[in-house]
Amino acid sequence: MKIYTRRGDSGETDLFGGDRVGKHHVRVEAYGQVDELNAFIGAAIAASEQKDLLDFGRRIQSTLFDLGSFLATPDAAQRAKASIPEVTDADIGALEAEIDRLEGELEPLKSFILPGGSAAAAAFHVARTVCRRAERATVRLDGEEALGGFALRYLNRLSDLLFVMARAENKRAGVADVPWNPR
């Protein structure tokens, strides 16, 4: 099987289940943003030397593949037939538990901080901003076609976790978070 099909050359793509839509369609934008997020998380965990963050990052990436498949399949019956997993409350609980675990290592924030620090922390901050963009795209989709389930909650909580992962990277590298000092 070749990687190229030429079917998208006219600006359309296939959704899972066979429907064709423009590549600018709100659904394609949502799962495309989730795919981009997945790649940025891959870059962040590749920059990290922290095994726990790498392991949990891989778990997040797998869940994001599930979420992308869910978003790419508009028909609930088709999702069920293809056994496409949905994000669950347990997935969100796992993010919250990881946030709590990592926050146990960190000093409480007294001000906003600037994104950056170590290379790995900066990569997690970039992933956090891409996550927020993916969340906004998914909110737009949900406004047009109610998604139900936990997709929006998962992305919202994931951006929180990516922020905490960035702070943990800095702490473990001995790099202080840089406070924002309004001018």
Protein backbone atom coordinates (compact mmCIF):
# COMPACT_ATOMS: atom_id res chain seq x y z
CA MET A 1 0.00 0.00 0.00
CA LYS A 2 1.39 3.39 -0.98
CA ILE A 3 1.40 6.30 1.45
CA TYR A 4 -0.20 8.56 -1.12
CA THR A 5 -3.60 8.00 -2.67
CA ARG A 6 -4.12 11.30 -4.53
CA ARG A 7 -7.70 11.33 -3.17
CA GLY A 8 -7.02 14.48 -1.17
CA ASP A 9 -5.51 16.48 -4.01
CA SER A 10 -8.78 18.35 -4.57
CA GLY A 11 -9.01 19.52 -0.95
CA GLU A 12 -11.32 16.80 0.35
CA THR A 13 -10.71 13.92 2.70
CA ASP A 14 -12.53 10.80 3.89
CA LEU A 15 -14.02 10.56 7.34
CA PHE A 16 -14.11 7.17 8.97
CA GLY A 17 -17.28 5.60 7.64
CA GLY A 18 -16.90 6.89 4.10
CA ASP A 19 -18.23 10.46 4.05
CA ARG A 20 -16.07 12.95 2.14
CA VAL A 21 -15.68 16.49 3.44
CA GLY A 22 -13.49 19.49 2.73
CA LYS A 23 -10.20 19.55 4.57
CA HIS A 24 -11.33 22.82 6.12
CA HIS A 25 -14.36 21.10 7.75
CA VAL A 26 -14.66 21.74 11.49
CA ARG A 27 -14.41 18.00 12.19
CA VAL A 28 -11.18 17.66 10.20
CA GLU A 29 -9.80 20.72 11.98
CA ALA A 30 -10.59 19.17 15.38
CA TYR A 31 -8.96 15.80 14.76
CA GLY A 32 -6.10 17.48 12.90
CA GLN A 33 -5.38 19.65 15.94
CA VAL A 34 -5.47 16.54 18.16
CA ASP A 35 -2.99 14.87 15.79
CA GLU A 36 -0.71 17.91 15.95
CA LEU A 37 -0.97 17.88 19.74
CA ASN A 38 0.04 14.22 19.74
CA ALA A 39 3.15 15.07 17.72
CA PHE A 40 4.10 17.92 20.05
CA ILE A 41 3.70 15.65 23.07
CA GLY A 42 5.97 13.17 21.30
CA ALA A 43 8.56 15.92 20.87
CA ALA A 44 8.24 16.95 24.53
CA ILE A 45 8.70 13.44 25.89
CA ALA A 46 11.59 12.87 23.48
CA ALA A 47 13.28 15.94 25.03
CA SER A 48 12.66 14.62 28.54
CA GLU A 49 14.96 12.36 30.48
CA GLN A 50 12.27 11.61 33.05
CA LYS A 51 11.06 8.02 32.72
CA ASP A 52 7.79 8.67 34.55
CA LEU A 53 6.93 11.55 32.22
CA LEU A 54 7.91 9.49 29.18
CA ASP A 55 5.75 6.56 30.29
CA PHE A 56 2.72 8.70 31.08
CA GLY A 57 3.30 10.71 27.90
CA ARG A 58 3.03 7.53 25.83
CA ARG A 59 -0.24 6.72 27.59
CA ILE A 60 -1.53 10.20 26.69
CA GLN A 61 -0.47 9.69 23.06
CA SER A 62 -2.46 6.45 22.84
CA THR A 63 -5.52 8.14 24.31
CA LEU A 64 -5.14 10.99 21.82
CA PHE A 65 -5.14 8.46 18.96
CA ASP A 66 -8.42 7.12 20.37
CA LEU A 67 -9.78 10.66 20.58
CA GLY A 68 -8.71 11.45 17.02
CA SER A 69 -10.47 8.31 15.77
CA PHE A 70 -13.57 9.29 17.72
CA LEU A 71 -13.53 12.79 16.20
CA ALA A 72 -12.94 11.40 12.69
CA THR A 73 -16.04 9.19 12.94
CA PRO A 74 -19.22 11.27 13.03
CA ASP A 75 -21.67 8.37 13.24
CA ALA A 76 -22.08 6.78 16.68
CA ALA A 77 -23.26 3.49 15.16
CA GLN A 78 -20.15 3.39 12.97
CA ARG A 79 -17.94 4.09 16.01
CA ALA A 80 -19.60 1.19 17.86
CA LYS A 81 -19.30 -1.13 14.86
CA ALA A 82 -15.59 -0.31 14.48
CA SER A 83 -15.01 -0.54 18.27
CA ILE A 84 -13.56 2.96 18.39
CA PRO A 85 -12.86 3.69 22.04
CA GLU A 86 -14.08 6.89 23.63
CA VAL A 87 -12.28 8.90 26.26
CA THR A 88 -13.70 7.95 29.65
CA ASP A 89 -14.04 9.42 33.09
CA ALA A 90 -11.24 7.03 34.12
CA ASP A 91 -8.92 8.66 31.54
CA ILE A 92 -9.67 12.06 33.05
CA GLY A 93 -9.15 10.65 36.53
CA ALA A 94 -5.73 9.36 35.47
CA LEU A 95 -4.77 12.86 34.30
CA GLU A 96 -5.95 14.34 37.60
CA ALA A 97 -4.01 11.75 39.61
CA GLU A 98 -0.86 12.52 37.62
CA ILE A 99 -1.36 16.26 38.16
CA ASP A 100 -1.73 15.66 41.90
CA ARG A 101 1.35 13.42 41.99
CA LEU A 102 3.55 15.92 40.17
CA GLU A 103 2.22 18.92 42.09
CA GLY A 104 3.39 17.15 45.25
CA GLU A 105 6.96 17.84 44.06
CA LEU A 106 6.37 21.51 43.31
CA GLU A 107 6.20 24.72 45.27
CA PRO A 108 2.81 26.43 44.98
CA LEU A 109 2.74 29.23 42.42
CA LYS A 110 2.57 32.79 43.71
CA SER A 111 2.33 34.40 40.27
CA PHE A 112 1.93 33.53 36.63
CA ILE A 113 5.07 32.09 35.06
CA LEU A 114 6.60 32.54 31.64
CA PRO A 115 6.76 29.46 29.43
CA GLY A 116 10.29 28.16 29.15
CA GLY A 117 13.13 27.00 31.33
CA SER A 118 14.80 23.78 30.30
CA ALA A 119 14.42 22.53 26.73
CA ALA A 120 12.07 19.76 27.86
CA ALA A 121 9.96 22.17 29.96
CA ALA A 122 9.69 24.55 27.02
CA ALA A 123 8.53 21.65 24.82
CA PHE A 124 5.82 20.77 27.36
CA HIS A 125 4.72 24.43 27.41
CA VAL A 126 4.42 24.39 23.60
CA ALA A 127 2.40 21.16 23.82
CA ARG A 128 0.14 22.87 26.38
CA THR A 129 -0.64 25.74 24.00
CA VAL A 130 -1.29 23.31 21.14
CA CYS A 131 -3.60 21.40 23.48
CA ARG A 132 -5.58 24.57 24.13
CA ARG A 133 -5.88 25.11 20.37
CA ALA A 134 -7.09 21.52 19.91
CA GLU A 135 -9.58 22.10 22.69
CA ARG A 136 -10.92 25.24 20.98
CA ALA A 137 -11.30 23.35 17.69
CA THR A 138 -13.13 20.53 19.48
CA VAL A 139 -15.40 23.03 21.23
CA ARG A 140 -16.29 24.46 17.80
CA LEU A 141 -17.12 20.96 16.56
CA ASP A 142 -19.18 20.26 19.68
CA GLY A 143 -21.13 23.47 19.00
CA GLU A 144 -22.10 22.17 15.56
CA GLU A 145 -22.46 18.47 16.36
CA ALA A 146 -22.77 17.60 20.04
CA LEU A 147 -19.99 15.16 20.87
CA GLY A 148 -21.19 14.01 24.26
CA GLY A 149 -18.77 12.06 26.35
CA PHE A 150 -15.58 13.32 27.84
CA ALA A 151 -13.56 14.72 24.91
CA LEU A 152 -13.74 18.35 26.03
CA ARG A 153 -13.03 17.56 29.68
CA TYR A 154 -10.06 15.41 28.67
CA LEU A 155 -8.43 18.14 26.58
CA ASN A 156 -9.07 20.75 29.26
CA ARG A 157 -7.47 18.60 31.95
CA LEU A 158 -4.63 17.55 29.65
CA SER A 159 -3.53 21.15 29.18
CA ASP A 160 -3.35 21.46 32.97
CA LEU A 161 -1.20 18.33 33.14
CA LEU A 162 1.15 19.57 30.42
CA PHE A 163 1.66 22.78 32.43
CA VAL A 164 2.51 20.76 35.53
CA MET A 165 4.81 18.48 33.50
CA ALA A 166 6.70 21.57 32.31
CA ARG A 167 7.09 22.77 35.89
CA ALA A 168 8.24 19.31 37.02
CA GLU A 169 10.83 19.25 34.24
CA ASN A 170 12.21 22.58 35.42
CA LYS A 171 12.23 21.55 39.07
CA ARG A 172 14.04 18.29 38.35
CA ALA A 173 16.56 20.09 36.12
CA GLY A 174 17.22 22.68 38.83
CA VAL A 175 15.81 25.46 36.64
CA ALA A 176 13.57 27.98 38.36
CA ASP A 177 10.23 28.91 36.85
CA VAL A 178 10.43 32.52 35.66
CA PRO A 179 7.69 34.65 37.18
CA TRP A 180 5.78 37.03 34.98
CA ASN A 181 6.46 40.60 36.03
CA PRO A 182 3.87 42.88 34.48
CA ARG A 183 5.45 46.04 33.09
